[in-house]
Amino acid sequence: MSEDWKRIPWPLIGVLLAQTVGGLTWAGGAAARIATLETQVGEQRLVAERLARLEEQGAATRTAVERIERRLEER
Protein backbone atom coordinates (compact mmCIF):
# COMPACT_ATOMS: atom_id res chain seq x y z
CA MET A 1 0.00 0.00 0.00
CA SER A 2 2.85 2.40 0.68
CA GLU A 3 4.08 1.92 -2.88
CA ASP A 4 0.70 2.80 -4.49
CA TRP A 5 1.19 6.57 -4.30
CA LYS A 6 4.37 6.25 -6.38
CA ARG A 7 2.32 4.96 -9.32
CA ILE A 8 0.14 8.08 -9.50
CA PRO A 9 1.32 10.20 -12.42
CA TRP A 10 2.39 13.70 -11.36
CA PRO A 11 0.76 15.36 -14.39
CA LEU A 12 -2.57 13.92 -13.23
CA ILE A 13 -2.11 15.53 -9.84
CA GLY A 14 -1.21 18.82 -11.55
CA VAL A 15 -4.33 18.68 -13.71
CA LEU A 16 -6.52 17.92 -10.71
CA LEU A 17 -5.02 20.83 -8.79
CA ALA A 18 -5.49 23.16 -11.77
CA GLN A 19 -9.13 22.09 -12.11
CA THR A 20 -9.69 22.60 -8.41
CA VAL A 21 -8.22 26.09 -8.53
CA GLY A 22 -10.29 26.89 -11.62
CA GLY A 23 -13.45 25.59 -9.97
CA LEU A 24 -12.85 27.64 -6.84
CA THR A 25 -12.18 30.74 -8.95
CA TRP A 26 -15.38 30.16 -10.92
CA ALA A 27 -17.37 29.64 -7.70
CA GLY A 28 -15.99 32.88 -6.27
CA GLY A 29 -17.00 34.77 -9.40
CA ALA A 30 -20.45 33.20 -9.31
CA ALA A 31 -20.86 34.22 -5.67
CA ALA A 32 -19.94 37.80 -6.55
CA ARG A 33 -22.47 37.85 -9.41
CA ILE A 34 -25.18 36.45 -7.14
CA ALA A 35 -24.45 39.10 -4.51
CA THR A 36 -24.75 41.81 -7.18
CA LEU A 37 -28.04 40.39 -8.41
CA GLU A 38 -29.42 40.21 -4.87
CA THR A 39 -28.56 43.88 -4.39
CA GLN A 40 -30.28 44.81 -7.64
CA VAL A 41 -33.39 42.81 -6.72
CA GLY A 42 -33.51 44.57 -3.36
CA GLU A 43 -33.32 47.96 -5.05
CA GLN A 44 -36.01 46.98 -7.55
CA ARG A 45 -38.27 45.87 -4.71
CA LEU A 46 -38.02 49.36 -3.20
CA VAL A 47 -38.77 50.96 -6.55
CA ALA A 48 -41.76 48.65 -7.04
CA GLU A 49 -43.13 49.62 -3.63
CA ARG A 50 -42.75 53.31 -4.44
CA LEU A 51 -44.43 52.81 -7.81
CA ALA A 52 -47.35 51.03 -6.15
CA ARG A 53 -47.76 53.92 -3.72
CA LEU A 54 -47.64 56.46 -6.56
CA GLU A 55 -50.24 54.51 -8.53
CA GLU A 56 -52.52 54.43 -5.49
CA GLN A 57 -52.05 58.16 -4.92
CA GLY A 58 -52.81 58.78 -8.61
CA ALA A 59 -56.03 56.77 -8.34
CA ALA A 60 -57.04 58.68 -5.20
CA THR A 61 -56.28 61.99 -6.93
CA ARG A 62 -58.31 60.95 -9.97
CA THR A 63 -61.26 60.07 -7.71
CA ALA A 64 -61.00 63.42 -5.93
CA VAL A 65 -60.87 65.34 -9.21
CA GLU A 66 -63.90 63.47 -10.54
CA ARG A 67 -65.80 64.25 -7.32
CA ILE A 68 -64.87 67.95 -7.62
CA GLU A 69 -65.93 68.02 -11.26
CA ARG A 70 -69.32 66.45 -10.39
CA ARG A 71 -69.90 69.06 -7.71
CA LEU A 72 -68.98 71.86 -10.09
CA GLU A 73 -71.32 70.51 -12.75
CA GLU A 74 -74.19 70.32 -10.25
CA ARG A 75 -73.98 74.07 -9.61
PDB file of N, CA and C in Angstrom:
ATOM      1  N   MET A   1       0.818  -1.190   0.000  1.00  0.00           N
ATOM      2  CA  MET A   1       0.000   0.000   0.000  1.00  0.00           C
ATOM      3  C   MET A   1       0.863   1.255   0.000  1.00  0.00           C
ATOM      4  N   SER A   2       1.994   1.226   0.633  1.00  0.00           N
ATOM      5  CA  SER A   2       2.851   2.401   0.678  1.00  0.00           C
ATOM      6  C   SER A   2       3.483   2.696  -0.671  1.00  0.00           C
ATOM      7  N   GLU A   3       3.500   1.728  -1.554  1.00  0.00           N
ATOM      8  CA  GLU A   3       4.076   1.922  -2.880  1.00  0.00           C
ATOM      9  C   GLU A   3       3.041   2.419  -3.901  1.00  0.00           C
ATOM     10  N   ASP A   4       1.748   2.411  -3.552  1.00  0.00           N
ATOM     11  CA  ASP A   4       0.695   2.800  -4.493  1.00  0.00           C
ATOM     12  C   ASP A   4       0.786   4.274  -4.885  1.00  0.00           C
ATOM     13  N   TRP A   5       1.151   5.146  -3.985  1.00  0.00           N
ATOM     14  CA  TRP A   5       1.191   6.575  -4.305  1.00  0.00           C
ATOM     15  C   TRP A   5       2.270   6.883  -5.315  1.00  0.00           C
ATOM     16  N   LYS A   6       3.294   6.018  -5.410  1.00  0.00           N
ATOM     17  CA  LYS A   6       4.370   6.252  -6.379  1.00  0.00           C
ATOM     18  C   LYS A   6       3.893   6.023  -7.806  1.00  0.00           C
ATOM     19  N   ARG A   7       2.817   5.256  -7.978  1.00  0.00           N
ATOM     20  CA  ARG A   7       2.325   4.956  -9.321  1.00  0.00           C
ATOM     21  C   ARG A   7       1.390   6.050  -9.853  1.00  0.00           C
ATOM     22  N   ILE A   8       1.010   7.000  -9.041  1.00  0.00           N
ATOM     23  CA  ILE A   8       0.144   8.083  -9.498  1.00  0.00           C
ATOM     24  C   ILE A   8       0.978   9.049 -10.338  1.00  0.00           C
ATOM     25  N   PRO A   9       0.549   9.283 -11.572  1.00  0.00           N
ATOM     26  CA  PRO A   9       1.323  10.202 -12.424  1.00  0.00           C
ATOM     27  C   PRO A   9       1.220  11.653 -11.923  1.00  0.00           C
ATOM     28  N   TRP A  10       2.342  12.318 -11.834  1.00  0.00           N
ATOM     29  CA  TRP A  10       2.386  13.701 -11.362  1.00  0.00           C
ATOM     30  C   TRP A  10       1.596  14.660 -12.257  1.00  0.00           C
ATOM     31  N   PRO A  11       1.592  14.463 -13.565  1.00  0.00           N
ATOM     32  CA  PRO A  11       0.756  15.362 -14.394  1.00  0.00           C
ATOM     33  C   PRO A  11      -0.728  15.260 -14.029  1.00  0.00           C
ATOM     34  N   LEU A  12      -1.171  14.070 -13.645  1.00  0.00           N
ATOM     35  CA  LEU A  12      -2.569  13.917 -13.232  1.00  0.00           C
ATOM     36  C   LEU A  12      -2.845  14.747 -11.982  1.00  0.00           C
ATOM     37  N   ILE A  13      -1.962  14.743 -11.053  1.00  0.00           N
ATOM     38  CA  ILE A  13      -2.106  15.533  -9.836  1.00  0.00           C
ATOM     39  C   ILE A  13      -2.117  17.026 -10.189  1.00  0.00           C
ATOM     40  N   GLY A  14      -1.244  17.422 -11.110  1.00  0.00           N
ATOM     41  CA  GLY A  14      -1.210  18.822 -11.545  1.00  0.00           C
ATOM     42  C   GLY A  14      -2.522  19.242 -12.200  1.00  0.00           C
ATOM     43  N   VAL A  15      -3.063  18.370 -13.042  1.00  0.00           N
ATOM     44  CA  VAL A  15      -4.326  18.681 -13.714  1.00  0.00           C
ATOM     45  C   VAL A  15      -5.448  18.789 -12.686  1.00  0.00           C
ATOM     46  N   LEU A  16      -5.493  17.875 -11.742  1.00  0.00           N
ATOM     47  CA  LEU A  16      -6.522  17.922 -10.706  1.00  0.00           C
ATOM     48  C   LEU A  16      -6.411  19.198  -9.867  1.00  0.00           C
ATOM     49  N   LEU A  17      -5.206  19.593  -9.531  1.00  0.00           N
ATOM     50  CA  LEU A  17      -5.017  20.835  -8.793  1.00  0.00           C
ATOM     51  C   LEU A  17      -5.456  22.049  -9.612  1.00  0.00           C
ATOM     52  N   ALA A  18      -5.106  22.047 -10.898  1.00  0.00           N
ATOM     53  CA  ALA A  18      -5.492  23.159 -11.768  1.00  0.00           C
ATOM     54  C   ALA A  18      -7.015  23.240 -11.888  1.00  0.00           C
ATOM     55  N   GLN A  19      -7.680  22.093 -12.018  1.00  0.00           N
ATOM     56  CA  GLN A  19      -9.135  22.088 -12.105  1.00  0.00           C
ATOM     57  C   GLN A  19      -9.765  22.565 -10.800  1.00  0.00           C
ATOM     58  N   THR A  20      -9.175  22.171  -9.697  1.00  0.00           N
ATOM     59  CA  THR A  20      -9.689  22.600  -8.405  1.00  0.00           C
ATOM     60  C   THR A  20      -9.569  24.114  -8.248  1.00  0.00           C
ATOM     61  N   VAL A  21      -8.422  24.646  -8.611  1.00  0.00           N
ATOM     62  CA  VAL A  21      -8.224  26.092  -8.533  1.00  0.00           C
ATOM     63  C   VAL A  21      -9.192  26.808  -9.465  1.00  0.00           C
ATOM     64  N   GLY A  22      -9.344  26.291 -10.664  1.00  0.00           N
ATOM     65  CA  GLY A  22     -10.286  26.889 -11.621  1.00  0.00           C
ATOM     66  C   GLY A  22     -11.713  26.837 -11.103  1.00  0.00           C
ATOM     67  N   GLY A  23     -12.100  25.724 -10.517  1.00  0.00           N
ATOM     68  CA  GLY A  23     -13.449  25.593  -9.965  1.00  0.00           C
ATOM     69  C   GLY A  23     -13.692  26.557  -8.825  1.00  0.00           C
ATOM     70  N   LEU A  24     -12.701  26.706  -7.953  1.00  0.00           N
ATOM     71  CA  LEU A  24     -12.846  27.643  -6.844  1.00  0.00           C
ATOM     72  C   LEU A  24     -12.918  29.089  -7.339  1.00  0.00           C
ATOM     73  N   THR A  25     -12.143  29.395  -8.359  1.00  0.00           N
ATOM     74  CA  THR A  25     -12.184  30.742  -8.945  1.00  0.00           C
ATOM     75  C   THR A  25     -13.546  31.011  -9.564  1.00  0.00           C
ATOM     76  N   TRP A  26     -14.059  30.025 -10.302  1.00  0.00           N
ATOM     77  CA  TRP A  26     -15.379  30.165 -10.916  1.00  0.00           C
ATOM     78  C   TRP A  26     -16.447  30.338  -9.841  1.00  0.00           C
ATOM     79  N   ALA A  27     -16.383  29.553  -8.780  1.00  0.00           N
ATOM     80  CA  ALA A  27     -17.372  29.641  -7.703  1.00  0.00           C
ATOM     81  C   ALA A  27     -17.313  31.021  -7.028  1.00  0.00           C
ATOM     82  N   GLY A  28     -16.119  31.549  -6.858  1.00  0.00           N
ATOM     83  CA  GLY A  28     -15.992  32.884  -6.271  1.00  0.00           C
ATOM     84  C   GLY A  28     -16.612  33.945  -7.155  1.00  0.00           C
ATOM     85  N   GLY A  29     -16.389  33.830  -8.455  1.00  0.00           N
ATOM     86  CA  GLY A  29     -17.000  34.774  -9.399  1.00  0.00           C
ATOM     87  C   GLY A  29     -18.512  34.647  -9.409  1.00  0.00           C
ATOM     88  N   ALA A  30     -19.001  33.410  -9.336  1.00  0.00           N
ATOM     89  CA  ALA A  30     -20.452  33.198  -9.308  1.00  0.00           C
ATOM     90  C   ALA A  30     -21.048  33.793  -8.040  1.00  0.00           C
ATOM     91  N   ALA A  31     -20.368  33.644  -6.926  1.00  0.00           N
ATOM     92  CA  ALA A  31     -20.859  34.215  -5.667  1.00  0.00           C
ATOM     93  C   ALA A  31     -20.923  35.736  -5.757  1.00  0.00           C
ATOM     94  N   ALA A  32     -19.946  36.338  -6.394  1.00  0.00           N
ATOM     95  CA  ALA A  32     -19.945  37.795  -6.551  1.00  0.00           C
ATOM     96  C   ALA A  32     -21.103  38.241  -7.440  1.00  0.00           C
ATOM     97  N   ARG A  33     -21.355  37.496  -8.526  1.00  0.00           N
ATOM     98  CA  ARG A  33     -22.472  37.847  -9.410  1.00  0.00           C
ATOM     99  C   ARG A  33     -23.805  37.699  -8.685  1.00  0.00           C
ATOM    100  N   ILE A  34     -23.945  36.658  -7.889  1.00  0.00           N
ATOM    101  CA  ILE A  34     -25.179  36.451  -7.143  1.00  0.00           C
ATOM    102  C   ILE A  34     -25.390  37.581  -6.144  1.00  0.00           C
ATOM    103  N   ALA A  35     -24.338  37.995  -5.473  1.00  0.00           N
ATOM    104  CA  ALA A  35     -24.451  39.096  -4.513  1.00  0.00           C
ATOM    105  C   ALA A  35     -24.896  40.376  -5.217  1.00  0.00           C
ATOM    106  N   THR A  36     -24.359  40.629  -6.400  1.00  0.00           N
ATOM    107  CA  THR A  36     -24.751  41.812  -7.175  1.00  0.00           C
ATOM    108  C   THR A  36     -26.221  41.731  -7.573  1.00  0.00           C
ATOM    109  N   LEU A  37     -26.643  40.564  -8.022  1.00  0.00           N
ATOM    110  CA  LEU A  37     -28.043  40.394  -8.415  1.00  0.00           C
ATOM    111  C   LEU A  37     -28.979  40.556  -7.227  1.00  0.00           C
ATOM    112  N   GLU A  38     -28.589  40.046  -6.067  1.00  0.00           N
ATOM    113  CA  GLU A  38     -29.419  40.208  -4.873  1.00  0.00           C
ATOM    114  C   GLU A  38     -29.565  41.681  -4.508  1.00  0.00           C
ATOM    115  N   THR A  39     -28.497  42.437  -4.658  1.00  0.00           N
ATOM    116  CA  THR A  39     -28.557  43.875  -4.386  1.00  0.00           C
ATOM    117  C   THR A  39     -29.512  44.556  -5.353  1.00  0.00           C
ATOM    118  N   GLN A  40     -29.410  44.202  -6.630  1.00  0.00           N
ATOM    119  CA  GLN A  40     -30.277  44.809  -7.640  1.00  0.00           C
ATOM    120  C   GLN A  40     -31.738  44.461  -7.386  1.00  0.00           C
ATOM    121  N   VAL A  41     -32.012  43.221  -6.995  1.00  0.00           N
ATOM    122  CA  VAL A  41     -33.389  42.814  -6.717  1.00  0.00           C
ATOM    123  C   VAL A  41     -33.927  43.588  -5.518  1.00  0.00           C
ATOM    124  N   GLY A  42     -33.091  43.791  -4.517  1.00  0.00           N
ATOM    125  CA  GLY A  42     -33.514  44.573  -3.356  1.00  0.00           C
ATOM    126  C   GLY A  42     -33.859  45.998  -3.736  1.00  0.00           C
ATOM    127  N   GLU A  43     -33.051  46.602  -4.590  1.00  0.00           N
ATOM    128  CA  GLU A  43     -33.324  47.964  -5.053  1.00  0.00           C
ATOM    129  C   GLU A  43     -34.603  48.006  -5.874  1.00  0.00           C
ATOM    130  N   GLN A  44     -34.811  47.007  -6.722  1.00  0.00           N
ATOM    131  CA  GLN A  44     -36.012  46.982  -7.550  1.00  0.00           C
ATOM    132  C   GLN A  44     -37.262  46.800  -6.696  1.00  0.00           C
ATOM    133  N   ARG A  45     -37.128  46.058  -5.606  1.00  0.00           N
ATOM    134  CA  ARG A  45     -38.269  45.874  -4.712  1.00  0.00           C
ATOM    135  C   ARG A  45     -38.695  47.217  -4.120  1.00  0.00           C
ATOM    136  N   LEU A  46     -37.703  48.035  -3.732  1.00  0.00           N
ATOM    137  CA  LEU A  46     -38.024  49.360  -3.200  1.00  0.00           C
ATOM    138  C   LEU A  46     -38.696  50.233  -4.253  1.00  0.00           C
ATOM    139  N   VAL A  47     -38.189  50.170  -5.463  1.00  0.00           N
ATOM    140  CA  VAL A  47     -38.775  50.958  -6.554  1.00  0.00           C
ATOM    141  C   VAL A  47     -40.201  50.486  -6.831  1.00  0.00           C
ATOM    142  N   ALA A  48     -40.421  49.181  -6.796  1.00  0.00           N
ATOM    143  CA  ALA A  48     -41.762  48.649  -7.038  1.00  0.00           C
ATOM    144  C   ALA A  48     -42.732  49.110  -5.958  1.00  0.00           C
ATOM    145  N   GLU A  49     -42.273  49.144  -4.708  1.00  0.00           N
ATOM    146  CA  GLU A  49     -43.134  49.621  -3.627  1.00  0.00           C
ATOM    147  C   GLU A  49     -43.479  51.096  -3.815  1.00  0.00           C
ATOM    148  N   ARG A  50     -42.500  51.890  -4.196  1.00  0.00           N
ATOM    149  CA  ARG A  50     -42.752  53.309  -4.441  1.00  0.00           C
ATOM    150  C   ARG A  50     -43.727  53.496  -5.594  1.00  0.00           C
ATOM    151  N   LEU A  51     -43.538  52.721  -6.650  1.00  0.00           N
ATOM    152  CA  LEU A  51     -44.425  52.813  -7.806  1.00  0.00           C
ATOM    153  C   LEU A  51     -45.848  52.443  -7.414  1.00  0.00           C
ATOM    154  N   ALA A  52     -46.012  51.422  -6.597  1.00  0.00           N
ATOM    155  CA  ALA A  52     -47.354  51.029  -6.154  1.00  0.00           C
ATOM    156  C   ALA A  52     -48.008  52.153  -5.353  1.00  0.00           C
ATOM    157  N   ARG A  53     -47.215  52.797  -4.485  1.00  0.00           N
ATOM    158  CA  ARG A  53     -47.757  53.920  -3.716  1.00  0.00           C
ATOM    159  C   ARG A  53     -48.171  55.064  -4.636  1.00  0.00           C
ATOM    160  N   LEU A  54     -47.316  55.372  -5.615  1.00  0.00           N
ATOM    161  CA  LEU A  54     -47.643  56.456  -6.557  1.00  0.00           C
ATOM    162  C   LEU A  54     -48.904  56.135  -7.358  1.00  0.00           C
ATOM    163  N   GLU A  55     -49.048  54.891  -7.781  1.00  0.00           N
ATOM    164  CA  GLU A  55     -50.244  54.506  -8.530  1.00  0.00           C
ATOM    165  C   GLU A  55     -51.488  54.672  -7.663  1.00  0.00           C
ATOM    166  N   GLU A  56     -51.382  54.292  -6.406  1.00  0.00           N
ATOM    167  CA  GLU A  56     -52.520  54.428  -5.490  1.00  0.00           C
ATOM    168  C   GLU A  56     -52.846  55.897  -5.254  1.00  0.00           C
ATOM    169  N   GLN A  57     -51.827  56.722  -5.097  1.00  0.00           N
ATOM    170  CA  GLN A  57     -52.052  58.155  -4.922  1.00  0.00           C
ATOM    171  C   GLN A  57     -52.679  58.758  -6.176  1.00  0.00           C
ATOM    172  N   GLY A  58     -52.237  58.295  -7.353  1.00  0.00           N
ATOM    173  CA  GLY A  58     -52.811  58.779  -8.609  1.00  0.00           C
ATOM    174  C   GLY A  58     -54.280  58.417  -8.721  1.00  0.00           C
ATOM    175  N   ALA A  59     -54.628  57.198  -8.311  1.00  0.00           N
ATOM    176  CA  ALA A  59     -56.027  56.774  -8.345  1.00  0.00           C
ATOM    177  C   ALA A  59     -56.857  57.601  -7.372  1.00  0.00           C
ATOM    178  N   ALA A  60     -56.321  57.866  -6.187  1.00  0.00           N
ATOM    179  CA  ALA A  60     -57.039  58.681  -5.205  1.00  0.00           C
ATOM    180  C   ALA A  60     -57.212  60.107  -5.722  1.00  0.00           C
ATOM    181  N   THR A  61     -56.197  60.647  -6.364  1.00  0.00           N
ATOM    182  CA  THR A  61     -56.283  61.994  -6.927  1.00  0.00           C
ATOM    183  C   THR A  61     -57.325  62.042  -8.035  1.00  0.00           C
ATOM    184  N   ARG A  62     -57.336  61.018  -8.877  1.00  0.00           N
ATOM    185  CA  ARG A  62     -58.314  60.955  -9.966  1.00  0.00           C
ATOM    186  C   ARG A  62     -59.737  60.928  -9.404  1.00  0.00           C
ATOM    187  N   THR A  63     -59.937  60.143  -8.346  1.00  0.00           N
ATOM    188  CA  THR A  63     -61.261  60.072  -7.713  1.00  0.00           C
ATOM    189  C   THR A  63     -61.658  61.428  -7.142  1.00  0.00           C
ATOM    190  N   ALA A  64     -60.715  62.103  -6.503  1.00  0.00           N
ATOM    191  CA  ALA A  64     -61.003  63.419  -5.926  1.00  0.00           C
ATOM    192  C   ALA A  64     -61.339  64.426  -7.014  1.00  0.00           C
ATOM    193  N   VAL A  65     -60.612  64.404  -8.103  1.00  0.00           N
ATOM    194  CA  VAL A  65     -60.869  65.338  -9.208  1.00  0.00           C
ATOM    195  C   VAL A  65     -62.243  65.068  -9.808  1.00  0.00           C
ATOM    196  N   GLU A  66     -62.591  63.814  -9.982  1.00  0.00           N
ATOM    197  CA  GLU A  66     -63.901  63.474 -10.538  1.00  0.00           C
ATOM    198  C   GLU A  66     -65.015  63.953  -9.612  1.00  0.00           C
ATOM    199  N   ARG A  67     -64.813  63.784  -8.291  1.00  0.00           N
ATOM    200  CA  ARG A  67     -65.803  64.248  -7.323  1.00  0.00           C
ATOM    201  C   ARG A  67     -65.952  65.770  -7.396  1.00  0.00           C
ATOM    202  N   ILE A  68     -64.832  66.484  -7.510  1.00  0.00           N
ATOM    203  CA  ILE A  68     -64.867  67.949  -7.619  1.00  0.00           C
ATOM    204  C   ILE A  68     -65.576  68.371  -8.888  1.00  0.00           C
ATOM    205  N   GLU A  69     -65.287  67.676  -9.987  1.00  0.00           N
ATOM    206  CA  GLU A  69     -65.934  68.016 -11.262  1.00  0.00           C
ATOM    207  C   GLU A  69     -67.450  67.808 -11.185  1.00  0.00           C
ATOM    208  N   ARG A  70     -67.875  66.705 -10.539  1.00  0.00           N
ATOM    209  CA  ARG A  70     -69.320  66.453 -10.395  1.00  0.00           C
ATOM    210  C   ARG A  70     -69.990  67.571  -9.588  1.00  0.00           C
ATOM    211  N   ARG A  71     -69.327  67.995  -8.531  1.00  0.00           N
ATOM    212  CA  ARG A  71     -69.901  69.062  -7.708  1.00  0.00           C
ATOM    213  C   ARG A  71     -69.967  70.377  -8.495  1.00  0.00           C
ATOM    214  N   LEU A  72     -68.954  70.638  -9.285  1.00  0.00           N
ATOM    215  CA  LEU A  72     -68.978  71.863 -10.088  1.00  0.00           C
ATOM    216  C   LEU A  72     -70.058  71.808 -11.154  1.00  0.00           C
ATOM    217  N   GLU A  73     -70.306  70.657 -11.722  1.00  0.00           N
ATOM    218  CA  GLU A  73     -71.322  70.512 -12.753  1.00  0.00           C
ATOM    219  C   GLU A  73     -72.735  70.626 -12.162  1.00  0.00           C
ATOM    220  N   GLU A  74     -72.880  70.245 -10.901  1.00  0.00           N
ATOM    221  CA  GLU A  74     -74.193  70.321 -10.255  1.00  0.00           C
ATOM    222  C   GLU A  74     -74.602  71.774 -10.011  1.00  0.00           C
ATOM    223  N   ARG A  75     -73.679  72.662  -9.906  1.00  0.00           N
ATOM    224  CA  ARG A  75     -73.979  74.069  -9.607  1.00  0.00           C
ATOM    225  C   ARG A  75     -74.493  74.786 -10.785  1.00  0.00           C
TER     226      ARG A  75
END
